[in-house]
PDB file of N, CA and C in Angstrom:
ATOM      1  N   MET A   1       0.823  -1.171   0.000  1.00  0.00           N
ATOM      2  CA  MET A   1       0.000   0.000   0.000  1.00  0.00           C
ATOM      3  C   MET A   1       0.878   1.250   0.000  1.00  0.00           C
ATOM      4  N   SER A   2       0.645   2.121  -0.937  1.00  0.00           N
ATOM      5  CA  SER A   2       1.423   3.349  -0.990  1.00  0.00           C
ATOM      6  C   SER A   2       0.600   4.502  -0.434  1.00  0.00           C
ATOM      7  N   ASN A   3       1.288   5.354   0.221  1.00  0.00           N
ATOM      8  CA  ASN A   3       0.643   6.516   0.828  1.00  0.00           C
ATOM      9  C   ASN A   3       0.928   7.725  -0.075  1.00  0.00           C
ATOM     10  N   PRO A   4      -0.091   8.323  -0.716  1.00  0.00           N
ATOM     11  CA  PRO A   4       0.135   9.450  -1.628  1.00  0.00           C
ATOM     12  C   PRO A   4       0.732  10.671  -0.942  1.00  0.00           C
ATOM     13  N   ASN A   5       0.382  10.890   0.304  1.00  0.00           N
ATOM     14  CA  ASN A   5       0.957  12.036   1.028  1.00  0.00           C
ATOM     15  C   ASN A   5       2.456  11.858   1.243  1.00  0.00           C
ATOM     16  N   LYS A   6       2.855  10.638   1.614  1.00  0.00           N
ATOM     17  CA  LYS A   6       4.277  10.365   1.819  1.00  0.00           C
ATOM     18  C   LYS A   6       5.035  10.513   0.510  1.00  0.00           C
ATOM     19  N   GLU A   7       4.498   9.993  -0.567  1.00  0.00           N
ATOM     20  CA  GLU A   7       5.168  10.089  -1.865  1.00  0.00           C
ATOM     21  C   GLU A   7       5.308  11.553  -2.278  1.00  0.00           C
ATOM     22  N   ARG A   8       4.283  12.342  -2.047  1.00  0.00           N
ATOM     23  CA  ARG A   8       4.340  13.766  -2.386  1.00  0.00           C
ATOM     24  C   ARG A   8       5.388  14.475  -1.522  1.00  0.00           C
ATOM     25  N   GLN A   9       5.426  14.136  -0.238  1.00  0.00           N
ATOM     26  CA  GLN A   9       6.411  14.745   0.650  1.00  0.00           C
ATOM     27  C   GLN A   9       7.839  14.352   0.271  1.00  0.00           C
ATOM     28  N   TYR A  10       8.046  13.077  -0.082  1.00  0.00           N
ATOM     29  CA  TYR A  10       9.369  12.629  -0.513  1.00  0.00           C
ATOM     30  C   TYR A  10       9.782  13.311  -1.816  1.00  0.00           C
ATOM     31  N   ALA A  11       8.840  13.476  -2.735  1.00  0.00           N
ATOM     32  CA  ALA A  11       9.141  14.155  -3.995  1.00  0.00           C
ATOM     33  C   ALA A  11       9.508  15.616  -3.725  1.00  0.00           C
ATOM     34  N   HIS A  12       8.775  16.249  -2.830  1.00  0.00           N
ATOM     35  CA  HIS A  12       9.074  17.641  -2.480  1.00  0.00           C
ATOM     36  C   HIS A  12      10.446  17.748  -1.802  1.00  0.00           C
ATOM     37  N   MET A  13      10.736  16.829  -0.907  1.00  0.00           N
ATOM     38  CA  MET A  13      12.021  16.833  -0.222  1.00  0.00           C
ATOM     39  C   MET A  13      13.165  16.598  -1.218  1.00  0.00           C
ATOM     40  N   ALA A  14      12.966  15.686  -2.176  1.00  0.00           N
ATOM     41  CA  ALA A  14      13.995  15.436  -3.188  1.00  0.00           C
ATOM     42  C   ALA A  14      14.245  16.696  -4.018  1.00  0.00           C
ATOM     43  N   HIS A  15      13.182  17.409  -4.359  1.00  0.00           N
ATOM     44  CA  HIS A  15      13.325  18.652  -5.109  1.00  0.00           C
ATOM     45  C   HIS A  15      14.084  19.701  -4.289  1.00  0.00           C
ATOM     46  N   GLN A  16      13.744  19.815  -3.029  1.00  0.00           N
ATOM     47  CA  GLN A  16      14.429  20.765  -2.145  1.00  0.00           C
ATOM     48  C   GLN A  16      15.915  20.421  -2.005  1.00  0.00           C
ATOM     49  N   LEU A  17      16.244  19.136  -1.935  1.00  0.00           N
ATOM     50  CA  LEU A  17      17.645  18.723  -1.848  1.00  0.00           C
ATOM     51  C   LEU A  17      18.406  19.042  -3.131  1.00  0.00           C
ATOM     52  N   GLN A  18      17.743  18.924  -4.283  1.00  0.00           N
ATOM     53  CA  GLN A  18      18.375  19.298  -5.549  1.00  0.00           C
ATOM     54  C   GLN A  18      18.667  20.799  -5.583  1.00  0.00           C
ATOM     55  N   LEU A  19      17.720  21.606  -5.104  1.00  0.00           N
ATOM     56  CA  LEU A  19      17.940  23.050  -5.037  1.00  0.00           C
ATOM     57  C   LEU A  19      19.094  23.389  -4.085  1.00  0.00           C
ATOM     58  N   LEU A  20      19.132  22.702  -2.969  1.00  0.00           N
ATOM     59  CA  LEU A  20      20.210  22.923  -2.008  1.00  0.00           C
ATOM     60  C   LEU A  20      21.557  22.588  -2.630  1.00  0.00           C
ATOM     61  N   GLN A  21      21.623  21.451  -3.314  1.00  0.00           N
ATOM     62  CA  GLN A  21      22.873  21.048  -3.965  1.00  0.00           C
ATOM     63  C   GLN A  21      23.298  22.084  -5.000  1.00  0.00           C
ATOM     64  N   SER A  22      22.367  22.573  -5.780  1.00  0.00           N
ATOM     65  CA  SER A  22      22.667  23.595  -6.785  1.00  0.00           C
ATOM     66  C   SER A  22      23.186  24.873  -6.135  1.00  0.00           C
ATOM     67  N   ASN A  23      22.547  25.275  -5.068  1.00  0.00           N
ATOM     68  CA  ASN A  23      22.983  26.481  -4.360  1.00  0.00           C
ATOM     69  C   ASN A  23      24.353  26.308  -3.718  1.00  0.00           C
ATOM     70  N   LEU A  24      24.635  25.112  -3.225  1.00  0.00           N
ATOM     71  CA  LEU A  24      25.956  24.852  -2.642  1.00  0.00           C
ATOM     72  C   LEU A  24      27.049  24.902  -3.699  1.00  0.00           C
ATOM     73  N   VAL A  25      26.758  24.406  -4.878  1.00  0.00           N
ATOM     74  CA  VAL A  25      27.739  24.469  -5.975  1.00  0.00           C
ATOM     75  C   VAL A  25      28.013  25.927  -6.343  1.00  0.00           C
ATOM     76  N   LYS A  26      26.956  26.724  -6.468  1.00  0.00           N
ATOM     77  CA  LYS A  26      27.128  28.147  -6.789  1.00  0.00           C
ATOM     78  C   LYS A  26      27.901  28.871  -5.694  1.00  0.00           C
ATOM     79  N   THR A  27      27.596  28.566  -4.434  1.00  0.00           N
ATOM     80  CA  THR A  27      28.299  29.190  -3.316  1.00  0.00           C
ATOM     81  C   THR A  27      29.777  28.831  -3.326  1.00  0.00           C
ATOM     82  N   THR A  28      30.078  27.576  -3.601  1.00  0.00           N
ATOM     83  CA  THR A  28      31.475  27.139  -3.676  1.00  0.00           C
ATOM     84  C   THR A  28      32.221  27.875  -4.774  1.00  0.00           C
ATOM     85  N   GLU A  29      31.595  28.048  -5.926  1.00  0.00           N
ATOM     86  CA  GLU A  29      32.226  28.781  -7.028  1.00  0.00           C
ATOM     87  C   GLU A  29      32.493  30.226  -6.631  1.00  0.00           C
ATOM     88  N   GLN A  30      31.533  30.863  -5.979  1.00  0.00           N
ATOM     89  CA  GLN A  30      31.703  32.249  -5.557  1.00  0.00           C
ATOM     90  C   GLN A  30      32.798  32.380  -4.496  1.00  0.00           C
ATOM     91  N   LEU A  31      32.877  31.421  -3.589  1.00  0.00           N
ATOM     92  CA  LEU A  31      33.938  31.448  -2.570  1.00  0.00           C
ATOM     93  C   LEU A  31      35.314  31.264  -3.193  1.00  0.00           C
ATOM     94  N   ASP A  32      35.417  30.428  -4.211  1.00  0.00           N
ATOM     95  CA  ASP A  32      36.689  30.258  -4.917  1.00  0.00           C
ATOM     96  C   ASP A  32      37.120  31.562  -5.575  1.00  0.00           C
ATOM     97  N   ILE A  33      36.182  32.231  -6.228  1.00  0.00           N
ATOM     98  CA  ILE A  33      36.495  33.514  -6.868  1.00  0.00           C
ATOM     99  C   ILE A  33      36.932  34.538  -5.826  1.00  0.00           C
ATOM    100  N   MET A  34      36.190  34.614  -4.716  1.00  0.00           N
ATOM    101  CA  MET A  34      36.524  35.561  -3.655  1.00  0.00           C
ATOM    102  C   MET A  34      37.906  35.271  -3.072  1.00  0.00           C
ATOM    103  N   SER A  35      38.215  34.001  -2.880  1.00  0.00           N
ATOM    104  CA  SER A  35      39.509  33.615  -2.324  1.00  0.00           C
ATOM    105  C   SER A  35      40.645  34.043  -3.244  1.00  0.00           C
ATOM    106  N   LYS A  36      40.469  33.834  -4.539  1.00  0.00           N
ATOM    107  CA  LYS A  36      41.508  34.234  -5.503  1.00  0.00           C
ATOM    108  C   LYS A  36      41.689  35.742  -5.512  1.00  0.00           C
ATOM    109  N   GLN A  37      40.595  36.491  -5.445  1.00  0.00           N
ATOM    110  CA  GLN A  37      40.684  37.949  -5.435  1.00  0.00           C
ATOM    111  C   GLN A  37      41.353  38.454  -4.163  1.00  0.00           C
ATOM    112  N   CYS A  38      41.022  37.862  -3.031  1.00  0.00           N
ATOM    113  CA  CYS A  38      41.635  38.272  -1.762  1.00  0.00           C
ATOM    114  C   CYS A  38      43.129  37.989  -1.767  1.00  0.00           C
ATOM    115  N   ASN A  39      43.516  36.828  -2.262  1.00  0.00           N
ATOM    116  CA  ASN A  39      44.934  36.487  -2.312  1.00  0.00           C
ATOM    117  C   ASN A  39      45.692  37.440  -3.220  1.00  0.00           C
ATOM    118  N   LYS A  40      45.102  37.787  -4.362  1.00  0.00           N
ATOM    119  CA  LYS A  40      45.745  38.708  -5.292  1.00  0.00           C
ATOM    120  C   LYS A  40      45.933  40.076  -4.647  1.00  0.00           C
ATOM    121  N   ASN A  41      44.895  40.593  -4.001  1.00  0.00           N
ATOM    122  CA  ASN A  41      44.985  41.899  -3.349  1.00  0.00           C
ATOM    123  C   ASN A  41      45.933  41.873  -2.159  1.00  0.00           C
ATOM    124  N   LEU A  42      45.938  40.782  -1.421  1.00  0.00           N
ATOM    125  CA  LEU A  42      46.798  40.667  -0.254  1.00  0.00           C
ATOM    126  C   LEU A  42      48.269  40.712  -0.653  1.00  0.00           C
ATOM    127  N   VAL A  43      48.622  40.022  -1.717  1.00  0.00           N
ATOM    128  CA  VAL A  43      50.017  40.012  -2.172  1.00  0.00           C
ATOM    129  C   VAL A  43      50.446  41.420  -2.574  1.00  0.00           C
ATOM    130  N   GLY A  44      49.562  42.142  -3.260  1.00  0.00           N
ATOM    131  CA  GLY A  44      49.874  43.519  -3.641  1.00  0.00           C
ATOM    132  C   GLY A  44      50.060  44.416  -2.432  1.00  0.00           C
ATOM    133  N   GLN A  45      49.215  44.266  -1.433  1.00  0.00           N
ATOM    134  CA  GLN A  45      49.317  45.087  -0.228  1.00  0.00           C
ATOM    135  C   GLN A  45      50.592  44.764   0.543  1.00  0.00           C
ATOM    136  N   LEU A  46      50.942  43.494   0.626  1.00  0.00           N
ATOM    137  CA  LEU A  46      52.178  43.121   1.321  1.00  0.00           C
ATOM    138  C   LEU A  46      53.401  43.692   0.603  1.00  0.00           C
ATOM    139  N   GLY A  47      53.354  43.720  -0.724  1.00  0.00           N
ATOM    140  CA  GLY A  47      54.446  44.317  -1.489  1.00  0.00           C
ATOM    141  C   GLY A  47      54.600  45.794  -1.185  1.00  0.00           C
ATOM    142  N   LYS A  48      53.496  46.508  -1.053  1.00  0.00           N
ATOM    143  CA  LYS A  48      53.547  47.933  -0.730  1.00  0.00           C
ATOM    144  C   LYS A  48      54.104  48.160   0.668  1.00  0.00           C
ATOM    145  N   VAL A  49      53.678  47.329   1.619  1.00  0.00           N
ATOM    146  CA  VAL A  49      54.183  47.460   2.985  1.00  0.00           C
ATOM    147  C   VAL A  49      55.685  47.184   3.021  1.00  0.00           C
ATOM    148  N   HIS A  50      56.113  46.170   2.318  1.00  0.00           N
ATOM    149  CA  HIS A  50      57.539  45.830   2.282  1.00  0.00           C
ATOM    150  C   HIS A  50      58.340  46.979   1.683  1.00  0.00           C
ATOM    151  N   ALA A  51      57.856  47.549   0.598  1.00  0.00           N
ATOM    152  CA  ALA A  51      58.557  48.669  -0.027  1.00  0.00           C
ATOM    153  C   ALA A  51      58.626  49.869   0.914  1.00  0.00           C
ATOM    154  N   THR A  52      57.553  50.131   1.635  1.00  0.00           N
ATOM    155  CA  THR A  52      57.538  51.246   2.583  1.00  0.00           C
ATOM    156  C   THR A  52      58.561  51.035   3.685  1.00  0.00           C
ATOM    157  N   TRP A  53      58.632  49.823   4.218  1.00  0.00           N
ATOM    158  CA  TRP A  53      59.627  49.524   5.258  1.00  0.00           C
ATOM    159  C   TRP A  53      61.045  49.687   4.711  1.00  0.00           C
ATOM    160  N   PHE A  54      61.275  49.242   3.506  1.00  0.00           N
ATOM    161  CA  PHE A  54      62.604  49.337   2.904  1.00  0.00           C
ATOM    162  C   PHE A  54      63.001  50.800   2.731  1.00  0.00           C
ATOM    163  N   ILE A  55      62.090  51.622   2.204  1.00  0.00           N
ATOM    164  CA  ILE A  55      62.392  53.038   1.997  1.00  0.00           C
ATOM    165  C   ILE A  55      62.640  53.728   3.340  1.00  0.00           C
ATOM    166  N   GLY A  56      61.778  53.437   4.327  1.00  0.00           N
ATOM    167  CA  GLY A  56      61.948  54.036   5.646  1.00  0.00           C
ATOM    168  C   GLY A  56      63.265  53.643   6.299  1.00  0.00           C
ATOM    169  N   SER A  57      63.638  52.384   6.214  1.00  0.00           N
ATOM    170  CA  SER A  57      64.896  51.946   6.831  1.00  0.00           C
ATOM    171  C   SER A  57      66.090  52.516   6.086  1.00  0.00           C
ATOM    172  N   ASN A  58      65.969  52.685   4.777  1.00  0.00           N
ATOM    173  CA  ASN A  58      67.057  53.278   4.003  1.00  0.00           C
ATOM    174  C   ASN A  58      67.257  54.741   4.408  1.00  0.00           C
ATOM    175  N   ARG A  59      66.166  55.472   4.568  1.00  0.00           N
ATOM    176  CA  ARG A  59      66.269  56.873   4.989  1.00  0.00           C
ATOM    177  C   ARG A  59      66.869  56.975   6.391  1.00  0.00           C
ATOM    178  N   TYR A  60      66.437  56.104   7.280  1.00  0.00           N
ATOM    179  CA  TYR A  60      66.991  56.108   8.636  1.00  0.00           C
ATOM    180  C   TYR A  60      68.492  55.826   8.595  1.00  0.00           C
ATOM    181  N   PHE A  61      68.884  54.840   7.815  1.00  0.00           N
ATOM    182  CA  PHE A  61      70.295  54.493   7.705  1.00  0.00           C
ATOM    183  C   PHE A  61      71.087  55.679   7.180  1.00  0.00           C
ATOM    184  N   GLU A  62      70.582  56.321   6.145  1.00  0.00           N
ATOM    185  CA  GLU A  62      71.296  57.464   5.572  1.00  0.00           C
ATOM    186  C   GLU A  62      71.423  58.603   6.572  1.00  0.00           C
ATOM    187  N   GLU A  63      70.351  58.898   7.286  1.00  0.00           N
ATOM    188  CA  GLU A  63      70.365  60.038   8.205  1.00  0.00           C
ATOM    189  C   GLU A  63      71.145  59.752   9.484  1.00  0.00           C
ATOM    190  N   GLU A  64      70.928  58.598  10.069  1.00  0.00           N
ATOM    191  CA  GLU A  64      71.539  58.316  11.373  1.00  0.00           C
ATOM    192  C   GLU A  64      72.920  57.701  11.261  1.00  0.00           C
ATOM    193  N   MET A  65      73.089  56.794  10.348  1.00  0.00           N
ATOM    194  CA  MET A  65      74.347  56.059  10.293  1.00  0.00           C
ATOM    195  C   MET A  65      75.406  56.779   9.442  1.00  0.00           C
ATOM    196  N   LEU A  66      74.984  57.482   8.438  1.00  0.00           N
ATOM    197  CA  LEU A  66      75.952  58.166   7.569  1.00  0.00           C
ATOM    198  C   LEU A  66      76.118  59.622   7.935  1.00  0.00           C
ATOM    199  N   GLY A  67      75.371  60.105   8.923  1.00  0.00           N
ATOM    200  CA  GLY A  67      75.545  61.454   9.425  1.00  0.00           C
ATOM    201  C   GLY A  67      75.005  62.536   8.528  1.00  0.00           C
ATOM    202  N   LYS A  68      74.030  62.253   7.708  1.00  0.00           N
ATOM    203  CA  LYS A  68      73.446  63.280   6.871  1.00  0.00           C
ATOM    204  C   LYS A  68      72.731  64.299   7.744  1.00  0.00           C
ATOM    205  N   GLN A  69      72.688  65.516   7.273  1.00  0.00           N
ATOM    206  CA  GLN A  69      71.952  66.568   7.992  1.00  0.00           C
ATOM    207  C   GLN A  69      70.476  66.353   7.822  1.00  0.00           C
ATOM    208  N   LYS A  70      69.734  66.484   8.929  1.00  0.00           N
ATOM    209  CA  LYS A  70      68.276  66.409   8.855  1.00  0.00           C
ATOM    210  C   LYS A  70      67.757  67.739   8.335  1.00  0.00           C
ATOM    211  N   LYS A  71      66.742  67.641   7.488  1.00  0.00           N
ATOM    212  CA  LYS A  71      66.190  68.866   6.912  1.00  0.00           C
ATOM    213  C   LYS A  71      65.135  69.447   7.797  1.00  0.00           C
TER     214      LYS A  71
END
């Protein structure tokens, strides 16, 4: 004996699970894109910070260690 209500509920649940799976795939794709963009921007920012430290330490070395006059 089959119960039509149960079959309808199972069919609805199967449809909902398919939608969930589709949404999870889309979310995963978006997270991958976001991760790549964050990594790209992070590397650029770290490069700028490194350059700033290098320039600052070079100026300090020139002024303090080589005896240059401060302006």
